[in-house]
Amino acid sequence: FEVLTWAQLGFHQKPCGLLNIEGFYDGLLSFLDHAIDERFVKPENRSMVIVATSPDALLERFDGYVPSPVEKWIDHGTT
């Protein structure tokens, strides 16, 4: 999640992925979806997490990754 946060802050534009073998990360992904429903996480930030069930599929999705534009949450000049 630290690396995902760095992407959200614009420190890098690399994909972040989960290799979800046999549904291991299903609970975590449900939590992220719930966080979106509760407006705690922005949908564009959730889309930064690439999920696949095989290494080949994950690498293929990495290859086609286009980073979301980063929008600042807080403007320090106005706060």
PDB file of N, CA and C in Angstrom:
ATOM      1  N   PHE A   1       0.809  -1.191   0.000  1.00  0.00           N
ATOM      2  CA  PHE A   1       0.000   0.000   0.000  1.00  0.00           C
ATOM      3  C   PHE A   1       0.855   1.258   0.000  1.00  0.00           C
ATOM      4  N   GLU A   2       2.058   1.185   0.539  1.00  0.00           N
ATOM      5  CA  GLU A   2       2.927   2.357   0.504  1.00  0.00           C
ATOM      6  C   GLU A   2       3.275   2.718  -0.940  1.00  0.00           C
ATOM      7  N   VAL A   3       3.594   1.721  -1.744  1.00  0.00           N
ATOM      8  CA  VAL A   3       3.929   1.967  -3.147  1.00  0.00           C
ATOM      9  C   VAL A   3       2.706   2.491  -3.900  1.00  0.00           C
ATOM     10  N   LEU A   4       1.520   1.990  -3.584  1.00  0.00           N
ATOM     11  CA  LEU A   4       0.288   2.494  -4.181  1.00  0.00           C
ATOM     12  C   LEU A   4       0.070   3.957  -3.782  1.00  0.00           C
ATOM     13  N   THR A   5       0.331   4.282  -2.529  1.00  0.00           N
ATOM     14  CA  THR A   5       0.206   5.666  -2.072  1.00  0.00           C
ATOM     15  C   THR A   5       1.169   6.570  -2.822  1.00  0.00           C
ATOM     16  N   TRP A   6       2.380   6.089  -3.054  1.00  0.00           N
ATOM     17  CA  TRP A   6       3.342   6.880  -3.821  1.00  0.00           C
ATOM     18  C   TRP A   6       2.808   7.170  -5.229  1.00  0.00           C
ATOM     19  N   ALA A   7       2.157   6.185  -5.836  1.00  0.00           N
ATOM     20  CA  ALA A   7       1.558   6.398  -7.161  1.00  0.00           C
ATOM     21  C   ALA A   7       0.436   7.431  -7.075  1.00  0.00           C
ATOM     22  N   GLN A   8      -0.374   7.342  -6.029  1.00  0.00           N
ATOM     23  CA  GLN A   8      -1.469   8.299  -5.843  1.00  0.00           C
ATOM     24  C   GLN A   8      -0.935   9.716  -5.669  1.00  0.00           C
ATOM     25  N   LEU A   9       0.216   9.853  -5.047  1.00  0.00           N
ATOM     26  CA  LEU A   9       0.816  11.164  -4.819  1.00  0.00           C
ATOM     27  C   LEU A   9       1.634  11.653  -6.013  1.00  0.00           C
ATOM     28  N   GLY A  10       1.788  10.794  -7.024  1.00  0.00           N
ATOM     29  CA  GLY A  10       2.523  11.181  -8.222  1.00  0.00           C
ATOM     30  C   GLY A  10       4.025  10.997  -8.123  1.00  0.00           C
ATOM     31  N   PHE A  11       4.495  10.243  -7.117  1.00  0.00           N
ATOM     32  CA  PHE A  11       5.931  10.001  -6.985  1.00  0.00           C
ATOM     33  C   PHE A  11       6.450   9.048  -8.052  1.00  0.00           C
ATOM     34  N   HIS A  12       5.584   8.212  -8.594  1.00  0.00           N
ATOM     35  CA  HIS A  12       5.944   7.330  -9.705  1.00  0.00           C
ATOM     36  C   HIS A  12       4.689   7.044 -10.511  1.00  0.00           C
ATOM     37  N   GLN A  13       4.874   6.496 -11.708  1.00  0.00           N
ATOM     38  CA  GLN A  13       3.745   6.156 -12.574  1.00  0.00           C
ATOM     39  C   GLN A  13       3.786   4.685 -12.979  1.00  0.00           C
ATOM     40  N   LYS A  14       4.300   3.863 -12.102  1.00  0.00           N
ATOM     41  CA  LYS A  14       4.410   2.433 -12.362  1.00  0.00           C
ATOM     42  C   LYS A  14       3.157   1.717 -11.882  1.00  0.00           C
ATOM     43  N   PRO A  15       2.819   0.599 -12.520  1.00  0.00           N
ATOM     44  CA  PRO A  15       1.638  -0.145 -12.074  1.00  0.00           C
ATOM     45  C   PRO A  15       1.888  -0.865 -10.745  1.00  0.00           C
ATOM     46  N   CYS A  16       0.813  -1.029  -9.990  1.00  0.00           N
ATOM     47  CA  CYS A  16       0.839  -1.807  -8.751  1.00  0.00           C
ATOM     48  C   CYS A  16      -0.104  -2.984  -8.964  1.00  0.00           C
ATOM     49  N   GLY A  17       0.352  -4.178  -8.692  1.00  0.00           N
ATOM     50  CA  GLY A  17      -0.481  -5.329  -9.007  1.00  0.00           C
ATOM     51  C   GLY A  17      -0.575  -6.351  -7.894  1.00  0.00           C
ATOM     52  N   LEU A  18      -1.652  -7.121  -7.977  1.00  0.00           N
ATOM     53  CA  LEU A  18      -1.870  -8.251  -7.071  1.00  0.00           C
ATOM     54  C   LEU A  18      -2.052  -9.508  -7.903  1.00  0.00           C
ATOM     55  N   LEU A  19      -1.290 -10.525  -7.581  1.00  0.00           N
ATOM     56  CA  LEU A  19      -1.455 -11.833  -8.203  1.00  0.00           C
ATOM     57  C   LEU A  19      -2.424 -12.606  -7.311  1.00  0.00           C
ATOM     58  N   ASN A  20      -3.677 -12.618  -7.709  1.00  0.00           N
ATOM     59  CA  ASN A  20      -4.765 -13.137  -6.870  1.00  0.00           C
ATOM     60  C   ASN A  20      -5.004 -14.632  -7.144  1.00  0.00           C
ATOM     61  N   ILE A  21      -4.080 -15.445  -6.702  1.00  0.00           N
ATOM     62  CA  ILE A  21      -4.166 -16.893  -6.898  1.00  0.00           C
ATOM     63  C   ILE A  21      -5.236 -17.471  -5.978  1.00  0.00           C
ATOM     64  N   GLU A  22      -6.147 -18.238  -6.571  1.00  0.00           N
ATOM     65  CA  GLU A  22      -7.225 -18.921  -5.845  1.00  0.00           C
ATOM     66  C   GLU A  22      -8.003 -17.972  -4.927  1.00  0.00           C
ATOM     67  N   GLY A  23      -8.143 -16.708  -5.349  1.00  0.00           N
ATOM     68  CA  GLY A  23      -8.951 -15.758  -4.594  1.00  0.00           C
ATOM     69  C   GLY A  23      -8.330 -15.276  -3.302  1.00  0.00           C
ATOM     70  N   PHE A  24      -7.015 -15.431  -3.151  1.00  0.00           N
ATOM     71  CA  PHE A  24      -6.356 -15.070  -1.895  1.00  0.00           C
ATOM     72  C   PHE A  24      -6.648 -13.626  -1.487  1.00  0.00           C
ATOM     73  N   TYR A  25      -6.663 -12.703  -2.455  1.00  0.00           N
ATOM     74  CA  TYR A  25      -6.862 -11.289  -2.152  1.00  0.00           C
ATOM     75  C   TYR A  25      -8.308 -10.821  -2.321  1.00  0.00           C
ATOM     76  N   ASP A  26      -9.251 -11.726  -2.459  1.00  0.00           N
ATOM     77  CA  ASP A  26     -10.658 -11.346  -2.651  1.00  0.00           C
ATOM     78  C   ASP A  26     -11.165 -10.456  -1.515  1.00  0.00           C
ATOM     79  N   GLY A  27     -10.828 -10.780  -0.291  1.00  0.00           N
ATOM     80  CA  GLY A  27     -11.268  -9.986   0.850  1.00  0.00           C
ATOM     81  C   GLY A  27     -10.691  -8.574   0.811  1.00  0.00           C
ATOM     82  N   LEU A  28      -9.424  -8.465   0.460  1.00  0.00           N
ATOM     83  CA  LEU A  28      -8.783  -7.159   0.361  1.00  0.00           C
ATOM     84  C   LEU A  28      -9.429  -6.331  -0.755  1.00  0.00           C
ATOM     85  N   LEU A  29      -9.705  -6.958  -1.877  1.00  0.00           N
ATOM     86  CA  LEU A  29     -10.336  -6.252  -2.992  1.00  0.00           C
ATOM     87  C   LEU A  29     -11.752  -5.822  -2.637  1.00  0.00           C
ATOM     88  N   SER A  30     -12.472  -6.641  -1.894  1.00  0.00           N
ATOM     89  CA  SER A  30     -13.807  -6.258  -1.418  1.00  0.00           C
ATOM     90  C   SER A  30     -13.721  -5.059  -0.481  1.00  0.00           C
ATOM     91  N   PHE A  31     -12.704  -5.061   0.374  1.00  0.00           N
ATOM     92  CA  PHE A  31     -12.498  -3.926   1.270  1.00  0.00           C
ATOM     93  C   PHE A  31     -12.248  -2.645   0.481  1.00  0.00           C
ATOM     94  N   LEU A  32     -11.407  -2.724  -0.548  1.00  0.00           N
ATOM     95  CA  LEU A  32     -11.145  -1.539  -1.368  1.00  0.00           C
ATOM     96  C   LEU A  32     -12.411  -1.053  -2.059  1.00  0.00           C
ATOM     97  N   ASP A  33     -13.211  -1.980  -2.568  1.00  0.00           N
ATOM     98  CA  ASP A  33     -14.475  -1.606  -3.210  1.00  0.00           C
ATOM     99  C   ASP A  33     -15.431  -0.967  -2.202  1.00  0.00           C
ATOM    100  N   HIS A  34     -15.454  -1.492  -0.991  1.00  0.00           N
ATOM    101  CA  HIS A  34     -16.283  -0.908   0.073  1.00  0.00           C
ATOM    102  C   HIS A  34     -15.788   0.503   0.412  1.00  0.00           C
ATOM    103  N   ALA A  35     -14.475   0.695   0.431  1.00  0.00           N
ATOM    104  CA  ALA A  35     -13.913   2.017   0.711  1.00  0.00           C
ATOM    105  C   ALA A  35     -14.333   3.025  -0.355  1.00  0.00           C
ATOM    106  N   ILE A  36     -14.478   2.573  -1.593  1.00  0.00           N
ATOM    107  CA  ILE A  36     -14.986   3.445  -2.660  1.00  0.00           C
ATOM    108  C   ILE A  36     -16.445   3.776  -2.401  1.00  0.00           C
ATOM    109  N   ASP A  37     -17.237   2.759  -2.082  1.00  0.00           N
ATOM    110  CA  ASP A  37     -18.662   2.976  -1.805  1.00  0.00           C
ATOM    111  C   ASP A  37     -18.870   3.989  -0.678  1.00  0.00           C
ATOM    112  N   GLU A  38     -17.973   3.979   0.301  1.00  0.00           N
ATOM    113  CA  GLU A  38     -18.065   4.889   1.441  1.00  0.00           C
ATOM    114  C   GLU A  38     -17.361   6.222   1.169  1.00  0.00           C
ATOM    115  N   ARG A  39     -16.860   6.390  -0.054  1.00  0.00           N
ATOM    116  CA  ARG A  39     -16.186   7.613  -0.504  1.00  0.00           C
ATOM    117  C   ARG A  39     -14.905   7.899   0.284  1.00  0.00           C
ATOM    118  N   PHE A  40     -14.257   6.836   0.743  1.00  0.00           N
ATOM    119  CA  PHE A  40     -12.975   6.969   1.426  1.00  0.00           C
ATOM    120  C   PHE A  40     -11.824   6.862   0.431  1.00  0.00           C
ATOM    121  N   VAL A  41     -12.048   6.151  -0.664  1.00  0.00           N
ATOM    122  CA  VAL A  41     -11.073   5.960  -1.737  1.00  0.00           C
ATOM    123  C   VAL A  41     -11.728   6.391  -3.041  1.00  0.00           C
ATOM    124  N   LYS A  42     -10.974   7.106  -3.856  1.00  0.00           N
ATOM    125  CA  LYS A  42     -11.481   7.525  -5.164  1.00  0.00           C
ATOM    126  C   LYS A  42     -11.396   6.351  -6.144  1.00  0.00           C
ATOM    127  N   PRO A  43     -12.398   6.201  -7.011  1.00  0.00           N
ATOM    128  CA  PRO A  43     -12.368   5.103  -7.994  1.00  0.00           C
ATOM    129  C   PRO A  43     -11.110   5.102  -8.857  1.00  0.00           C
ATOM    130  N   GLU A  44     -10.606   6.281  -9.220  1.00  0.00           N
ATOM    131  CA  GLU A  44      -9.395   6.317 -10.045  1.00  0.00           C
ATOM    132  C   GLU A  44      -8.179   5.792  -9.288  1.00  0.00           C
ATOM    133  N   ASN A  45      -8.181   5.921  -7.955  1.00  0.00           N
ATOM    134  CA  ASN A  45      -7.093   5.342  -7.180  1.00  0.00           C
ATOM    135  C   ASN A  45      -7.212   3.822  -7.119  1.00  0.00           C
ATOM    136  N   ARG A  46      -8.433   3.323  -7.024  1.00  0.00           N
ATOM    137  CA  ARG A  46      -8.661   1.872  -7.029  1.00  0.00           C
ATOM    138  C   ARG A  46      -8.211   1.262  -8.354  1.00  0.00           C
ATOM    139  N   SER A  47      -8.399   2.018  -9.447  1.00  0.00           N
ATOM    140  CA  SER A  47      -8.017   1.487 -10.758  1.00  0.00           C
ATOM    141  C   SER A  47      -6.506   1.363 -10.917  1.00  0.00           C
ATOM    142  N   MET A  48      -5.752   1.940  -9.991  1.00  0.00           N
ATOM    143  CA  MET A  48      -4.294   1.805 -10.027  1.00  0.00           C
ATOM    144  C   MET A  48      -3.843   0.412  -9.596  1.00  0.00           C
ATOM    145  N   VAL A  49      -4.728  -0.351  -8.968  1.00  0.00           N
ATOM    146  CA  VAL A  49      -4.400  -1.706  -8.525  1.00  0.00           C
ATOM    147  C   VAL A  49      -4.817  -2.683  -9.623  1.00  0.00           C
ATOM    148  N   ILE A  50      -3.831  -3.285 -10.258  1.00  0.00           N
ATOM    149  CA  ILE A  50      -4.082  -4.246 -11.321  1.00  0.00           C
ATOM    150  C   ILE A  50      -4.141  -5.639 -10.699  1.00  0.00           C
ATOM    151  N   VAL A  51      -5.175  -6.389 -11.052  1.00  0.00           N
ATOM    152  CA  VAL A  51      -5.383  -7.716 -10.472  1.00  0.00           C
ATOM    153  C   VAL A  51      -5.476  -8.748 -11.583  1.00  0.00           C
ATOM    154  N   ALA A  52      -4.797  -9.872 -11.390  1.00  0.00           N
ATOM    155  CA  ALA A  52      -4.889 -10.987 -12.331  1.00  0.00           C
ATOM    156  C   ALA A  52      -4.693 -12.285 -11.549  1.00  0.00           C
ATOM    157  N   THR A  53      -5.104 -13.390 -12.173  1.00  0.00           N
ATOM    158  CA  THR A  53      -5.001 -14.691 -11.508  1.00  0.00           C
ATOM    159  C   THR A  53      -3.842 -15.538 -12.018  1.00  0.00           C
ATOM    160  N   SER A  54      -3.096 -15.016 -12.977  1.00  0.00           N
ATOM    161  CA  SER A  54      -1.904 -15.731 -13.450  1.00  0.00           C
ATOM    162  C   SER A  54      -0.782 -14.729 -13.691  1.00  0.00           C
ATOM    163  N   PRO A  55       0.458 -15.161 -13.521  1.00  0.00           N
ATOM    164  CA  PRO A  55       1.581 -14.246 -13.742  1.00  0.00           C
ATOM    165  C   PRO A  55       1.588 -13.669 -15.160  1.00  0.00           C
ATOM    166  N   ASP A  56       1.328 -14.500 -16.160  1.00  0.00           N
ATOM    167  CA  ASP A  56       1.320 -14.011 -17.539  1.00  0.00           C
ATOM    168  C   ASP A  56       0.273 -12.932 -17.749  1.00  0.00           C
ATOM    169  N   ALA A  57      -0.927 -13.135 -17.210  1.00  0.00           N
ATOM    170  CA  ALA A  57      -1.999 -12.148 -17.353  1.00  0.00           C
ATOM    171  C   ALA A  57      -1.639 -10.846 -16.635  1.00  0.00           C
ATOM    172  N   LEU A  58      -1.015 -10.952 -15.463  1.00  0.00           N
ATOM    173  CA  LEU A  58      -0.631  -9.756 -14.719  1.00  0.00           C
ATOM    174  C   LEU A  58       0.427  -8.967 -15.496  1.00  0.00           C
ATOM    175  N   LEU A  59       1.415  -9.662 -16.019  1.00  0.00           N
ATOM    176  CA  LEU A  59       2.455  -8.978 -16.788  1.00  0.00           C
ATOM    177  C   LEU A  59       1.886  -8.343 -18.052  1.00  0.00           C
ATOM    178  N   GLU A  60       0.929  -9.006 -18.675  1.00  0.00           N
ATOM    179  CA  GLU A  60       0.280  -8.453 -19.862  1.00  0.00           C
ATOM    180  C   GLU A  60      -0.479  -7.170 -19.505  1.00  0.00           C
ATOM    181  N   ARG A  61      -1.157  -7.190 -18.378  1.00  0.00           N
ATOM    182  CA  ARG A  61      -1.880  -5.990 -17.937  1.00  0.00           C
ATOM    183  C   ARG A  61      -0.913  -4.882 -17.548  1.00  0.00           C
ATOM    184  N   PHE A  62       0.231  -5.246 -16.970  1.00  0.00           N
ATOM    185  CA  PHE A  62       1.258  -4.238 -16.680  1.00  0.00           C
ATOM    186  C   PHE A  62       1.702  -3.564 -17.972  1.00  0.00           C
ATOM    187  N   ASP A  63       1.891  -4.376 -19.003  1.00  0.00           N
ATOM    188  CA  ASP A  63       2.383  -3.860 -20.283  1.00  0.00           C
ATOM    189  C   ASP A  63       1.424  -2.830 -20.875  1.00  0.00           C
ATOM    190  N   GLY A  64       0.138  -3.016 -20.674  1.00  0.00           N
ATOM    191  CA  GLY A  64      -0.846  -2.094 -21.218  1.00  0.00           C
ATOM    192  C   GLY A  64      -1.277  -1.004 -20.249  1.00  0.00           C
ATOM    193  N   TYR A  65      -0.614  -0.889 -19.118  1.00  0.00           N
ATOM    194  CA  TYR A  65      -1.009   0.066 -18.087  1.00  0.00           C
ATOM    195  C   TYR A  65      -0.797   1.504 -18.541  1.00  0.00           C
ATOM    196  N   VAL A  66      -1.804   2.324 -18.329  1.00  0.00           N
ATOM    197  CA  VAL A  66      -1.717   3.765 -18.546  1.00  0.00           C
ATOM    198  C   VAL A  66      -2.066   4.421 -17.210  1.00  0.00           C
ATOM    199  N   PRO A  67      -1.123   5.146 -16.610  1.00  0.00           N
ATOM    200  CA  PRO A  67      -1.385   5.718 -15.290  1.00  0.00           C
ATOM    201  C   PRO A  67      -2.495   6.769 -15.335  1.00  0.00           C
ATOM    202  N   SER A  68      -3.245   6.823 -14.255  1.00  0.00           N
ATOM    203  CA  SER A  68      -4.278   7.845 -14.112  1.00  0.00           C
ATOM    204  C   SER A  68      -3.614   9.171 -13.786  1.00  0.00           C
ATOM    205  N   PRO A  69      -4.183  10.268 -14.283  1.00  0.00           N
ATOM    206  CA  PRO A  69      -3.633  11.574 -13.891  1.00  0.00           C
ATOM    207  C   PRO A  69      -3.794  11.781 -12.393  1.00  0.00           C
ATOM    208  N   VAL A  70      -2.807  12.370 -11.774  1.00  0.00           N
ATOM    209  CA  VAL A  70      -2.823  12.590 -10.329  1.00  0.00           C
ATOM    210  C   VAL A  70      -3.381  13.978 -10.054  1.00  0.00           C
ATOM    211  N   GLU A  71      -4.414  14.019  -9.235  1.00  0.00           N
ATOM    212  CA  GLU A  71      -5.004  15.281  -8.805  1.00  0.00           C
ATOM    213  C   GLU A  71      -4.692  15.474  -7.334  1.00  0.00           C
ATOM    214  N   LYS A  72      -4.187  16.621  -6.979  1.00  0.00           N
ATOM    215  CA  LYS A  72      -3.847  16.910  -5.585  1.00  0.00           C
ATOM    216  C   LYS A  72      -5.102  16.937  -4.725  1.00  0.00           C
ATOM    217  N   TRP A  73      -5.043  16.323  -3.555  1.00  0.00           N
ATOM    218  CA  TRP A  73      -6.170  16.322  -2.619  1.00  0.00           C
ATOM    219  C   TRP A  73      -6.208  17.622  -1.837  1.00  0.00           C
ATOM    220  N   ILE A  74      -5.005  18.150  -1.526  1.00  0.00           N
ATOM    221  CA  ILE A  74      -4.910  19.351  -0.712  1.00  0.00           C
ATOM    222  C   ILE A  74      -3.985  20.324  -1.414  1.00  0.00           C
ATOM    223  N   ASP A  75      -4.404  21.559  -1.537  1.00  0.00           N
ATOM    224  CA  ASP A  75      -3.559  22.606  -2.084  1.00  0.00           C
ATOM    225  C   ASP A  75      -2.985  23.386  -0.896  1.00  0.00           C
ATOM    226  N   HIS A  76      -1.712  23.189  -0.630  1.00  0.00           N
ATOM    227  CA  HIS A  76      -1.094  23.810   0.552  1.00  0.00           C
ATOM    228  C   HIS A  76      -1.075  25.338   0.458  1.00  0.00           C
ATOM    229  N   GLY A  77      -1.206  25.885  -0.743  1.00  0.00           N
ATOM    230  CA  GLY A  77      -1.232  27.324  -0.903  1.00  0.00           C
ATOM    231  C   GLY A  77      -2.533  27.947  -0.435  1.00  0.00           C
ATOM    232  N   THR A  78      -3.593  27.159  -0.362  1.00  0.00           N
ATOM    233  CA  THR A  78      -4.894  27.708   0.048  1.00  0.00           C
ATOM    234  C   THR A  78      -5.363  27.201   1.398  1.00  0.00           C
ATOM    235  N   THR A  79      -4.577  26.342   2.048  1.00  0.00           N
ATOM    236  CA  THR A  79      -4.995  25.822   3.363  1.00  0.00           C
ATOM    237  C   THR A  79      -4.209  26.450   4.473  1.00  0.00           C
TER     238      THR A  79
END
